[in-house]
N, C-alpha and C. Protein backbone atom coordinates (compact mmCIF):
# COMPACT_ATOMS: atom_id res chain seq x y z
N MET A 1 39.40 31.85 11.66
CA MET A 1 38.55 32.55 12.61
C MET A 1 37.50 33.38 11.88
N THR A 2 37.94 34.14 10.89
CA THR A 2 36.97 34.96 10.17
C THR A 2 35.98 34.11 9.39
N MET A 3 36.40 32.92 8.99
CA MET A 3 35.50 32.02 8.27
C MET A 3 34.34 31.60 9.16
N ILE A 4 34.62 31.34 10.41
CA ILE A 4 33.57 30.95 11.35
C ILE A 4 32.59 32.10 11.55
N VAL A 5 33.09 33.31 11.61
CA VAL A 5 32.23 34.49 11.78
C VAL A 5 31.32 34.64 10.57
N TYR A 6 31.87 34.50 9.37
CA TYR A 6 31.06 34.62 8.16
C TYR A 6 30.01 33.51 8.08
N MET A 7 30.39 32.30 8.44
CA MET A 7 29.43 31.18 8.42
C MET A 7 28.30 31.43 9.41
N THR A 8 28.64 31.98 10.57
CA THR A 8 27.62 32.29 11.57
C THR A 8 26.67 33.37 11.05
N LEU A 9 27.20 34.38 10.40
CA LEU A 9 26.37 35.44 9.83
C LEU A 9 25.45 34.90 8.73
N VAL A 10 25.99 34.04 7.88
CA VAL A 10 25.18 33.45 6.81
C VAL A 10 24.07 32.59 7.40
N LEU A 11 24.40 31.80 8.40
CA LEU A 11 23.40 30.96 9.06
C LEU A 11 22.33 31.82 9.72
N ASP A 12 22.73 32.92 10.32
CA ASP A 12 21.78 33.84 10.94
C ASP A 12 20.84 34.44 9.89
N LEU A 13 21.39 34.84 8.74
CA LEU A 13 20.56 35.40 7.67
C LEU A 13 19.58 34.36 7.12
N ILE A 14 20.04 33.12 6.97
CA ILE A 14 19.16 32.06 6.48
C ILE A 14 18.01 31.83 7.46
N ILE A 15 18.31 31.78 8.74
CA ILE A 15 17.27 31.57 9.75
C ILE A 15 16.28 32.73 9.75
N ARG A 16 16.78 33.95 9.63
CA ARG A 16 15.87 35.12 9.59
C ARG A 16 14.99 35.08 8.34
N ALA A 17 15.55 34.70 7.20
CA ALA A 17 14.77 34.61 5.97
C ALA A 17 13.68 33.55 6.09
N LEU A 18 14.01 32.42 6.70
CA LEU A 18 13.01 31.37 6.91
C LEU A 18 11.89 31.84 7.84
N CYS A 19 12.25 32.58 8.87
CA CYS A 19 11.22 33.12 9.79
C CYS A 19 10.30 34.10 9.07
N VAL A 20 10.87 34.95 8.22
CA VAL A 20 10.05 35.90 7.47
C VAL A 20 9.13 35.17 6.50
N MET A 21 9.64 34.15 5.81
CA MET A 21 8.81 33.37 4.89
C MET A 21 7.68 32.66 5.63
N LEU A 22 7.97 32.14 6.82
CA LEU A 22 6.94 31.48 7.62
C LEU A 22 5.87 32.48 8.04
N LEU A 23 6.28 33.67 8.41
CA LEU A 23 5.32 34.72 8.78
C LEU A 23 4.44 35.11 7.60
N ILE A 24 5.04 35.26 6.42
CA ILE A 24 4.26 35.61 5.22
C ILE A 24 3.29 34.48 4.87
N ALA A 25 3.73 33.23 4.97
CA ALA A 25 2.85 32.11 4.68
C ALA A 25 1.67 32.07 5.65
N GLY A 26 1.91 32.39 6.90
CA GLY A 26 0.82 32.43 7.88
C GLY A 26 -0.19 33.51 7.57
N ILE A 27 0.29 34.68 7.17
CA ILE A 27 -0.61 35.79 6.82
C ILE A 27 -1.44 35.42 5.60
N VAL A 28 -0.82 34.83 4.59
CA VAL A 28 -1.55 34.43 3.38
C VAL A 28 -2.61 33.39 3.73
N HIS A 29 -2.27 32.45 4.59
CA HIS A 29 -3.23 31.42 5.00
C HIS A 29 -4.44 32.04 5.69
N VAL A 30 -4.21 33.00 6.56
CA VAL A 30 -5.32 33.66 7.26
C VAL A 30 -6.21 34.41 6.28
N VAL A 31 -5.61 35.11 5.33
CA VAL A 31 -6.39 35.87 4.35
C VAL A 31 -7.24 34.94 3.49
N VAL A 32 -6.66 33.83 3.06
CA VAL A 32 -7.40 32.87 2.23
C VAL A 32 -8.54 32.25 3.02
N SER A 33 -8.30 31.88 4.27
CA SER A 33 -9.37 31.26 5.06
C SER A 33 -10.50 32.25 5.34
N ILE A 34 -10.18 33.53 5.53
CA ILE A 34 -11.23 34.54 5.72
C ILE A 34 -12.06 34.67 4.45
N GLY A 35 -11.42 34.65 3.29
CA GLY A 35 -12.14 34.72 2.02
C GLY A 35 -13.07 33.54 1.83
N GLU A 36 -12.61 32.33 2.20
CA GLU A 36 -13.46 31.14 2.08
C GLU A 36 -14.65 31.22 3.02
N LYS A 37 -14.43 31.74 4.22
CA LYS A 37 -15.54 31.87 5.17
C LYS A 37 -16.57 32.87 4.67
N LYS A 38 -16.11 33.95 4.04
CA LYS A 38 -17.05 34.94 3.49
C LYS A 38 -17.89 34.32 2.38
N LYS A 39 -17.27 33.48 1.54
CA LYS A 39 -18.03 32.81 0.48
C LYS A 39 -19.08 31.89 1.08
N ALA A 40 -18.70 31.15 2.12
CA ALA A 40 -19.65 30.24 2.76
C ALA A 40 -20.81 31.01 3.39
N VAL A 41 -20.51 32.13 4.01
CA VAL A 41 -21.57 32.96 4.62
C VAL A 41 -22.50 33.50 3.54
N ASN A 42 -21.95 33.91 2.41
CA ASN A 42 -22.79 34.41 1.31
C ASN A 42 -23.71 33.31 0.78
N GLU A 43 -23.18 32.08 0.65
CA GLU A 43 -24.01 30.97 0.19
C GLU A 43 -25.13 30.68 1.18
N LEU A 44 -24.82 30.71 2.46
CA LEU A 44 -25.85 30.47 3.48
C LEU A 44 -26.89 31.58 3.47
N THR A 45 -26.48 32.81 3.21
CA THR A 45 -27.43 33.92 3.13
C THR A 45 -28.40 33.71 1.97
N VAL A 46 -27.89 33.27 0.83
CA VAL A 46 -28.75 33.02 -0.33
C VAL A 46 -29.74 31.90 -0.02
N ILE A 47 -29.26 30.83 0.60
CA ILE A 47 -30.15 29.72 0.97
C ILE A 47 -31.21 30.20 1.96
N SER A 48 -30.82 31.01 2.91
CA SER A 48 -31.77 31.53 3.90
C SER A 48 -32.84 32.38 3.23
N LYS A 49 -32.44 33.22 2.28
CA LYS A 49 -33.42 34.06 1.57
C LYS A 49 -34.39 33.19 0.78
N ARG A 50 -33.89 32.14 0.15
CA ARG A 50 -34.77 31.24 -0.61
C ARG A 50 -35.75 30.54 0.32
N LEU A 51 -35.28 30.13 1.48
CA LEU A 51 -36.17 29.47 2.44
C LEU A 51 -37.25 30.43 2.92
N HIS A 52 -36.90 31.68 3.14
CA HIS A 52 -37.90 32.66 3.57
C HIS A 52 -38.95 32.87 2.48
N ILE A 53 -38.53 32.88 1.23
CA ILE A 53 -39.49 33.02 0.12
C ILE A 53 -40.43 31.82 0.11
N LEU A 54 -39.87 30.62 0.27
CA LEU A 54 -40.72 29.42 0.28
C LEU A 54 -41.66 29.41 1.47
N MET A 55 -41.22 29.93 2.60
CA MET A 55 -42.07 29.92 3.79
C MET A 55 -43.21 30.93 3.66
N ASP A 56 -43.05 31.93 2.80
CA ASP A 56 -44.10 32.91 2.60
C ASP A 56 -45.23 32.38 1.72
N ILE A 57 -44.96 31.33 0.94
CA ILE A 57 -46.00 30.75 0.08
C ILE A 57 -46.97 29.97 0.96
N PRO A 58 -48.27 30.14 0.77
CA PRO A 58 -49.22 29.33 1.53
C PRO A 58 -49.04 27.84 1.23
N ILE A 59 -49.39 27.00 2.20
CA ILE A 59 -49.14 25.57 2.08
C ILE A 59 -49.87 24.98 0.87
N LYS A 60 -51.10 25.40 0.64
CA LYS A 60 -51.88 24.85 -0.48
C LYS A 60 -51.19 25.16 -1.81
N LYS A 61 -50.74 26.38 -1.97
CA LYS A 61 -50.06 26.75 -3.22
C LYS A 61 -48.72 26.03 -3.34
N ALA A 62 -48.06 25.84 -2.22
CA ALA A 62 -46.78 25.13 -2.24
C ALA A 62 -46.98 23.69 -2.69
N ARG A 63 -48.06 23.03 -2.21
CA ARG A 63 -48.34 21.66 -2.64
C ARG A 63 -48.64 21.62 -4.13
N GLU A 64 -49.43 22.59 -4.61
CA GLU A 64 -49.72 22.64 -6.04
C GLU A 64 -48.44 22.87 -6.84
N PHE A 65 -47.60 23.72 -6.31
CA PHE A 65 -46.33 24.01 -6.97
C PHE A 65 -45.48 22.74 -7.05
N MET A 66 -45.43 21.98 -5.96
CA MET A 66 -44.64 20.75 -5.94
C MET A 66 -45.23 19.71 -6.89
N LYS A 67 -46.56 19.61 -6.93
CA LYS A 67 -47.20 18.67 -7.85
C LYS A 67 -46.91 19.07 -9.29
N GLY A 68 -46.92 20.35 -9.54
CA GLY A 68 -46.60 20.83 -10.89
C GLY A 68 -45.17 20.49 -11.28
N ASN A 69 -44.25 20.58 -10.35
CA ASN A 69 -42.85 20.23 -10.64
C ASN A 69 -42.70 18.75 -10.87
N ASP A 70 -43.46 17.92 -10.13
CA ASP A 70 -43.38 16.48 -10.31
C ASP A 70 -43.89 16.07 -11.68
N SER A 71 -44.95 16.72 -12.17
CA SER A 71 -45.49 16.36 -13.47
C SER A 71 -44.52 16.73 -14.60
N HIS A 72 -43.72 17.76 -14.40
CA HIS A 72 -42.75 18.14 -15.43
C HIS A 72 -41.58 17.15 -15.48
N LYS A 73 -41.30 16.51 -14.35
CA LYS A 73 -40.17 15.58 -14.31
C LYS A 73 -40.47 14.30 -15.06
N GLU A 74 -41.73 13.91 -15.13
CA GLU A 74 -42.08 12.63 -15.76
C GLU A 74 -42.04 12.67 -17.25
C-alpha cells in the first residue's frame, strides 16, 4: 500500500518537473524571438535610412554616381 503512495508521489513530482521545464522553454523561446525581431527591425531601420539618403541626391547626380560605379566594376 505504501509503495503505491510513494509511486504516485514520484509520478506527481515528475509531471510537475516536466510542466516547469515546459514553462521555462516557452519563456526562453519568447525571449529569443523578441531578440530576433529587434535585430530585424534594426536592419530595416538602417536600410530605410540609406534609402532616404539616396532619395535626397538629385537624379542627375545619382545617374553620374551610378555611371561612376559601373566604370569601376569593369
